[in-house]
N, C-alpha and C. Protein backbone atom coordinates (compact mmCIF):
# COMPACT_ATOMS: atom_id res chain seq x y z
N UNK A 1 42.04 -1.72 -3.00
CA UNK A 1 40.88 -0.87 -3.44
C UNK A 1 39.53 -1.70 -3.18
N UNK A 2 38.50 -1.04 -2.63
CA UNK A 2 37.12 -1.99 -2.63
C UNK A 2 36.26 -1.31 -3.33
N UNK A 3 35.39 -2.25 -4.14
CA UNK A 3 34.79 -1.72 -4.76
C UNK A 3 32.98 -1.96 -4.18
N UNK A 4 32.48 -1.09 -4.50
CA UNK A 4 30.92 -0.88 -3.55
C UNK A 4 29.99 -0.83 -4.59
N UNK A 5 29.26 -1.75 -4.68
CA UNK A 5 27.80 -1.53 -5.57
C UNK A 5 26.67 -1.69 -4.70
N UNK A 6 25.83 -1.08 -5.12
CA UNK A 6 24.61 -1.28 -4.63
C UNK A 6 23.40 -1.11 -5.81
N UNK A 7 22.34 -1.82 -5.44
CA UNK A 7 21.21 -2.11 -6.63
C UNK A 7 19.79 -1.84 -5.63
N UNK A 8 18.93 -1.23 -6.20
CA UNK A 8 17.76 -1.07 -5.68
C UNK A 8 16.60 -1.44 -6.70
N UNK A 9 15.51 -2.01 -6.30
CA UNK A 9 14.61 -2.30 -7.25
C UNK A 9 13.31 -1.10 -6.85
N UNK A 10 12.64 -1.04 -7.98
CA UNK A 10 11.97 0.29 -7.92
C UNK A 10 10.81 -0.45 -8.63
N UNK A 11 9.55 0.51 -8.81
CA UNK A 11 8.47 -0.22 -9.72
C UNK A 11 7.07 -0.20 -8.71
N UNK A 12 6.00 -0.79 -9.13
CA UNK A 12 4.83 -1.03 -8.44
C UNK A 12 4.94 -2.31 -8.06
N UNK A 13 4.31 -2.73 -7.26
CA UNK A 13 4.14 -4.23 -6.71
C UNK A 13 2.68 -4.68 -7.44
N UNK A 14 2.43 -6.06 -6.80
CA UNK A 14 0.82 -6.64 -7.67
C UNK A 14 0.07 -5.70 -7.10
N UNK A 15 -0.12 -5.35 -5.96
CA UNK A 15 -1.14 -4.27 -5.43
C UNK A 15 -1.17 -3.17 -5.97
N UNK A 16 -0.32 -2.35 -6.44
CA UNK A 16 -0.27 -1.29 -7.20
C UNK A 16 -0.62 -1.45 -8.46
N UNK A 17 -0.28 -2.46 -9.03
CA UNK A 17 -0.95 -2.81 -10.62
C UNK A 17 -2.64 -2.92 -10.49
N UNK A 18 -3.06 -3.44 -9.65
CA UNK A 18 -4.21 -3.92 -9.05
C UNK A 18 -4.90 -2.48 -8.98
N UNK A 19 -4.48 -1.81 -8.05
CA UNK A 19 -5.25 -0.46 -7.79
C UNK A 19 -5.36 0.25 -9.29
N UNK A 20 -4.05 0.38 -10.01
CA UNK A 20 -4.16 1.26 -11.20
C UNK A 20 -5.20 0.59 -12.25
N UNK A 21 -5.37 -0.65 -12.33
CA UNK A 21 -6.51 -1.31 -13.00
C UNK A 21 -7.79 -1.26 -12.62
N UNK A 22 -7.89 -1.09 -11.38
CA UNK A 22 -9.37 -0.82 -10.76
C UNK A 22 -9.90 0.61 -11.14
N UNK A 23 -8.73 1.30 -11.15
CA UNK A 23 -9.24 2.93 -11.27
C UNK A 23 -9.26 3.28 -12.83
N UNK A 24 -8.51 2.39 -13.26
CA UNK A 24 -8.77 2.47 -15.16
C UNK A 24 -9.84 2.33 -15.54
N UNK A 25 -10.26 0.87 -14.96
CA UNK A 25 -11.68 0.19 -15.06
C UNK A 25 -13.01 1.20 -14.61
N UNK A 26 -12.85 1.92 -13.45
CA UNK A 26 -13.79 2.62 -12.99
C UNK A 26 -13.90 4.15 -14.14
N UNK A 27 -12.89 4.50 -14.42
CA UNK A 27 -12.70 5.60 -15.25
C UNK A 27 -13.50 5.38 -16.54
N UNK A 28 -13.11 4.44 -17.31
CA UNK A 28 -13.53 3.94 -18.57
C UNK A 28 -15.00 3.71 -18.43
N UNK A 29 -15.57 3.55 -17.34
CA UNK A 29 -16.93 2.82 -17.14
C UNK A 29 -17.28 1.32 -17.06
N UNK A 30 -16.26 0.92 -17.27
CA UNK A 30 -16.39 -0.43 -17.53
C UNK A 30 -16.69 -1.29 -16.17
N UNK A 31 -16.45 -0.53 -15.17
CA UNK A 31 -17.09 -1.33 -13.62
C UNK A 31 -18.06 -0.35 -13.11
N UNK A 32 -18.99 -0.75 -12.48
CA UNK A 32 -19.79 0.35 -11.69
C UNK A 32 -19.56 0.46 -10.25
N UNK A 33 -18.55 -0.16 -9.68
CA UNK A 33 -18.43 -0.09 -8.08
C UNK A 33 -18.13 1.25 -7.83
N UNK A 34 -18.65 1.51 -6.56
CA UNK A 34 -18.30 2.68 -6.10
C UNK A 34 -16.88 2.93 -5.64
N UNK A 35 -16.36 3.98 -5.55
CA UNK A 35 -14.85 4.69 -5.36
C UNK A 35 -14.33 3.93 -4.00
N UNK A 36 -15.19 3.38 -3.36
CA UNK A 36 -14.75 2.95 -1.94
C UNK A 36 -14.07 1.52 -2.03
N UNK A 37 -15.04 0.76 -3.16
CA UNK A 37 -14.63 -0.54 -3.66
C UNK A 37 -13.23 -0.62 -4.38
N UNK A 38 -13.38 0.74 -5.19
CA UNK A 38 -12.22 0.82 -6.41
C UNK A 38 -10.73 1.03 -5.51
N UNK A 39 -11.02 1.91 -4.47
CA UNK A 39 -9.59 2.34 -3.62
C UNK A 39 -9.31 1.36 -2.36
N UNK A 40 -10.40 0.46 -2.12
CA UNK A 40 -10.03 -0.68 -0.94
C UNK A 40 -8.71 -1.02 -1.11
N UNK A 41 -8.23 -1.39 -1.95
CA UNK A 41 -6.80 -2.19 -1.78
C UNK A 41 -5.94 -1.25 -1.28
N UNK A 42 -5.98 -0.43 -1.32
CA UNK A 42 -5.02 1.10 -0.69
C UNK A 42 -5.59 1.38 0.68
N UNK A 43 -6.68 1.41 1.07
CA UNK A 43 -7.58 1.60 2.45
C UNK A 43 -7.08 0.45 3.19
N UNK A 44 -7.01 -0.69 2.66
CA UNK A 44 -6.45 -1.92 3.24
C UNK A 44 -5.22 -1.73 3.93
N UNK A 45 -4.18 -1.45 2.94
CA UNK A 45 -2.78 -1.05 3.13
C UNK A 45 -2.29 -0.29 4.27
N UNK A 46 -3.39 0.88 4.06
CA UNK A 46 -3.15 1.91 4.90
C UNK A 46 -3.32 1.71 6.47
N UNK A 47 -4.54 0.95 6.54
CA UNK A 47 -5.13 0.12 7.79
C UNK A 47 -3.98 -0.49 8.40
N UNK A 48 -3.51 -1.69 7.63
CA UNK A 48 -2.55 -2.39 8.25
C UNK A 48 -1.38 -1.57 8.66
N UNK A 49 -0.84 -0.79 8.11
CA UNK A 49 0.09 0.37 8.65
C UNK A 49 -0.18 0.94 9.70
N UNK A 50 -1.54 1.43 9.79
CA UNK A 50 -1.99 2.10 11.18
C UNK A 50 -1.89 1.25 12.25
N UNK A 51 -2.40 -0.05 12.20
CA UNK A 51 -2.79 -1.03 13.17
C UNK A 51 -1.05 -1.25 13.77
N UNK A 52 -0.20 -1.43 12.49
CA UNK A 52 1.37 -1.99 13.11
C UNK A 52 1.70 -0.89 14.05
N UNK A 53 1.62 0.56 13.57
CA UNK A 53 1.97 1.77 14.37
C UNK A 53 1.29 2.14 15.67
N UNK A 54 0.20 1.49 15.86
CA UNK A 54 -0.56 1.65 17.13
C UNK A 54 0.01 0.71 17.89
N UNK A 55 0.25 -0.55 17.50
CA UNK A 55 0.98 -1.59 18.53
C UNK A 55 2.30 -0.95 18.86
N UNK A 56 2.88 -0.63 17.96
CA UNK A 56 4.28 -0.37 18.11
C UNK A 56 4.33 1.01 19.40
N UNK A 57 3.53 1.71 19.05
CA UNK A 57 3.27 2.75 20.31
C UNK A 57 2.78 2.39 21.50
N UNK A 58 2.31 1.33 21.52
CA UNK A 58 1.38 0.56 23.06
C UNK A 58 2.61 0.30 23.07
N UNK A 59 3.48 -0.75 22.78
CA UNK A 59 4.34 -1.70 23.37
C UNK A 59 5.60 -0.49 23.70
N UNK A 60 5.92 0.55 22.98
CA UNK A 60 6.79 1.32 23.60
C UNK A 60 6.39 2.30 24.78
N UNK A 61 5.52 2.59 24.77
CA UNK A 61 4.66 3.28 26.03
C UNK A 61 4.36 2.26 27.15
N UNK A 62 4.15 1.20 27.07
CA UNK A 62 3.96 0.40 27.93
C UNK A 62 5.67 0.12 28.47
N UNK A 63 6.71 -0.08 27.73
CA UNK A 63 7.98 -0.28 28.66
C UNK A 63 8.25 0.90 29.44
N UNK A 64 7.75 2.11 29.27
CA UNK A 64 8.37 3.43 29.56
C UNK A 64 7.61 3.78 31.37
């Protein structure tokens, strides 16, 4: 008999916590930043993903 176990970790990372803190501070009026700055950590993450996808696509098409 073999026993298989799997574990997964969930939850928010450090960037997610920072994002939530910025949003709460903005909604409470404790910071007077524009929404672009409040959401900048998410936008940076999306930009990195987009760059990686474009590089992978160019590499894939370059081999074809």
